[in-house]
Amino acid sequence: MVDLYKVYKFLKEQWLGSVLIILWLISIFMYQNKKNELLNKAYILESKLKQLEKKAKIELKDVDSLKTIDTIIVTRIKIIKQKEYEKIRIIDSLPISGLQSYFTERYPK
C-alpha cells in the first residue's frame, strides 16, 4: 500500500508530466496505426503498378505488331500501284486496233 501511495503522490505532484507522457504514448500508437495503413496502401499501389506495367508491355507488343502490319500493307499498296501503272503504260502504248482487241477480250458482251 505504501508503494501505491507513493505513485499516487508522485502523479499528483507531477500531473503535467504524466499527462504529457500519456499524450506522447497515444500519439505514438496513432502514428504507428497510420504508418501501417500507409504501408498497406503503398503495397496495394505497387501491385497495381506491376499489373499496369504488364498490361503496358502486352499493348506495346500489339502496337509493334500493328506497325509491322502497317509496313506490310504499305508495301503491298506500292506494289499494286506499280502494277497498275505498268498496265496503264502498256495500254497507252498499244495502237488503236490493239486497244480494241484488248477491251473486247477483257469485257465481252
Protein backbone atom coordinates (compact mmCIF):
# COMPACT_ATOMS: atom_id res chain seq x y z
CA MET A 1 0.00 0.00 0.00
CA VAL A 2 2.92 2.25 0.58
CA ASP A 3 4.02 1.80 -3.00
CA LEU A 4 0.61 2.83 -4.38
CA TYR A 5 0.59 5.85 -2.11
CA LYS A 6 3.99 6.95 -3.42
CA VAL A 7 2.84 6.51 -7.01
CA TYR A 8 -0.36 8.46 -6.31
CA LYS A 9 1.61 11.22 -4.58
CA PHE A 10 4.07 11.36 -7.50
CA LEU A 11 1.25 11.58 -10.06
CA LYS A 12 -0.46 14.27 -8.00
CA GLU A 13 2.71 16.36 -7.84
CA GLN A 14 3.81 15.72 -11.40
CA TRP A 15 0.42 15.74 -13.12
CA LEU A 16 1.62 17.77 -16.12
CA GLY A 17 4.46 15.36 -16.84
CA SER A 18 2.08 12.41 -16.51
CA VAL A 19 -0.36 13.98 -18.93
CA LEU A 20 2.44 14.69 -21.39
CA ILE A 21 3.70 11.10 -21.16
CA ILE A 22 0.18 9.76 -21.75
CA LEU A 23 -0.33 12.09 -24.72
CA TRP A 24 3.06 11.06 -26.11
CA LEU A 25 2.18 7.36 -25.85
CA ILE A 26 -1.18 7.97 -27.53
CA SER A 27 0.48 9.88 -30.38
CA ILE A 28 3.00 7.05 -30.86
CA PHE A 29 0.22 4.46 -31.17
CA MET A 30 -1.74 6.67 -33.56
CA TYR A 31 1.38 7.24 -35.66
CA GLN A 32 2.06 3.52 -35.87
CA ASN A 33 -1.53 2.85 -36.99
CA LYS A 34 -1.28 5.49 -39.70
CA LYS A 35 2.10 4.13 -40.73
CA ASN A 36 0.66 0.62 -41.10
CA GLU A 37 -2.27 1.94 -43.13
CA LEU A 38 0.08 3.85 -45.43
CA LEU A 39 2.31 0.81 -45.85
CA ASN A 40 -0.73 -1.27 -46.83
CA LYS A 41 -1.82 1.37 -49.34
CA ALA A 42 1.71 1.51 -50.76
CA TYR A 43 1.73 -2.28 -51.16
CA ILE A 44 -1.63 -2.20 -52.96
CA LEU A 45 -0.46 0.61 -55.25
CA GLU A 46 2.77 -1.24 -56.05
CA SER A 47 0.82 -4.35 -57.01
CA LYS A 48 -1.48 -2.26 -59.24
CA LEU A 49 1.58 -0.63 -60.78
CA LYS A 50 3.08 -4.02 -61.61
CA GLN A 51 -0.20 -5.11 -63.22
CA LEU A 52 -0.32 -1.92 -65.29
CA GLU A 53 3.30 -2.42 -66.37
CA LYS A 54 2.43 -5.94 -67.55
CA LYS A 55 -0.56 -4.59 -69.50
CA ALA A 56 1.63 -1.86 -71.00
CA LYS A 57 4.16 -4.45 -72.19
CA ILE A 58 1.41 -6.50 -73.83
CA GLU A 59 -0.08 -3.44 -75.51
CA LEU A 60 3.36 -2.34 -76.65
CA LYS A 61 3.80 -5.70 -78.34
CA ASP A 62 0.42 -5.19 -80.04
CA VAL A 63 1.48 -1.74 -81.22
CA ASP A 64 4.73 -3.14 -82.58
CA SER A 65 2.85 -5.87 -84.44
CA LEU A 66 0.48 -3.26 -85.89
CA LYS A 67 3.48 -1.25 -87.01
CA THR A 68 4.89 -4.22 -88.90
CA ILE A 69 1.47 -4.96 -90.40
CA ASP A 70 1.23 -1.32 -91.45
CA THR A 71 4.56 -1.50 -93.27
CA ILE A 72 3.46 -4.72 -94.99
CA ILE A 73 0.23 -3.09 -96.14
CA VAL A 74 2.08 -0.02 -97.39
CA THR A 75 4.46 -2.18 -99.41
CA ARG A 76 1.52 -4.11 -100.88
CA ILE A 77 -0.16 -0.85 -101.85
CA LYS A 78 3.04 0.28 -103.54
CA ILE A 79 3.26 -3.00 -105.45
CA ILE A 80 -0.38 -2.71 -106.56
CA LYS A 81 0.14 0.89 -107.70
CA GLN A 82 3.26 -0.13 -109.59
CA LYS A 83 1.38 -2.93 -111.38
CA GLU A 84 -1.46 -0.54 -112.16
CA TYR A 85 0.99 2.00 -113.56
CA GLU A 86 2.62 -0.70 -115.70
CA LYS A 87 -0.76 -1.82 -117.08
CA ILE A 88 -1.74 1.76 -117.85
CA ARG A 89 1.61 2.30 -119.56
CA ILE A 90 1.13 -0.87 -121.62
CA ILE A 91 -2.40 0.16 -122.61
CA ASP A 92 -1.22 3.66 -123.51
CA SER A 93 1.48 2.23 -125.75
CA LEU A 94 -0.93 -0.03 -127.71
CA PRO A 95 -2.21 1.10 -131.11
CA ILE A 96 -5.95 1.60 -131.56
CA SER A 97 -6.52 -1.84 -133.04
CA GLY A 98 -4.66 -3.40 -130.09
CA LEU A 99 -6.83 -1.42 -127.66
CA GLN A 100 -9.99 -2.61 -129.35
CA SER A 101 -8.93 -6.25 -129.16
CA TYR A 102 -7.75 -5.82 -125.56
CA PHE A 103 -11.06 -4.39 -124.40
CA THR A 104 -13.17 -6.89 -126.37
CA GLU A 105 -11.25 -9.74 -124.75
CA ARG A 106 -11.38 -8.13 -121.36
CA TYR A 107 -15.05 -7.11 -121.41
CA PRO A 108 -17.09 -9.45 -123.59
CA LYS A 109 -20.70 -8.54 -124.34
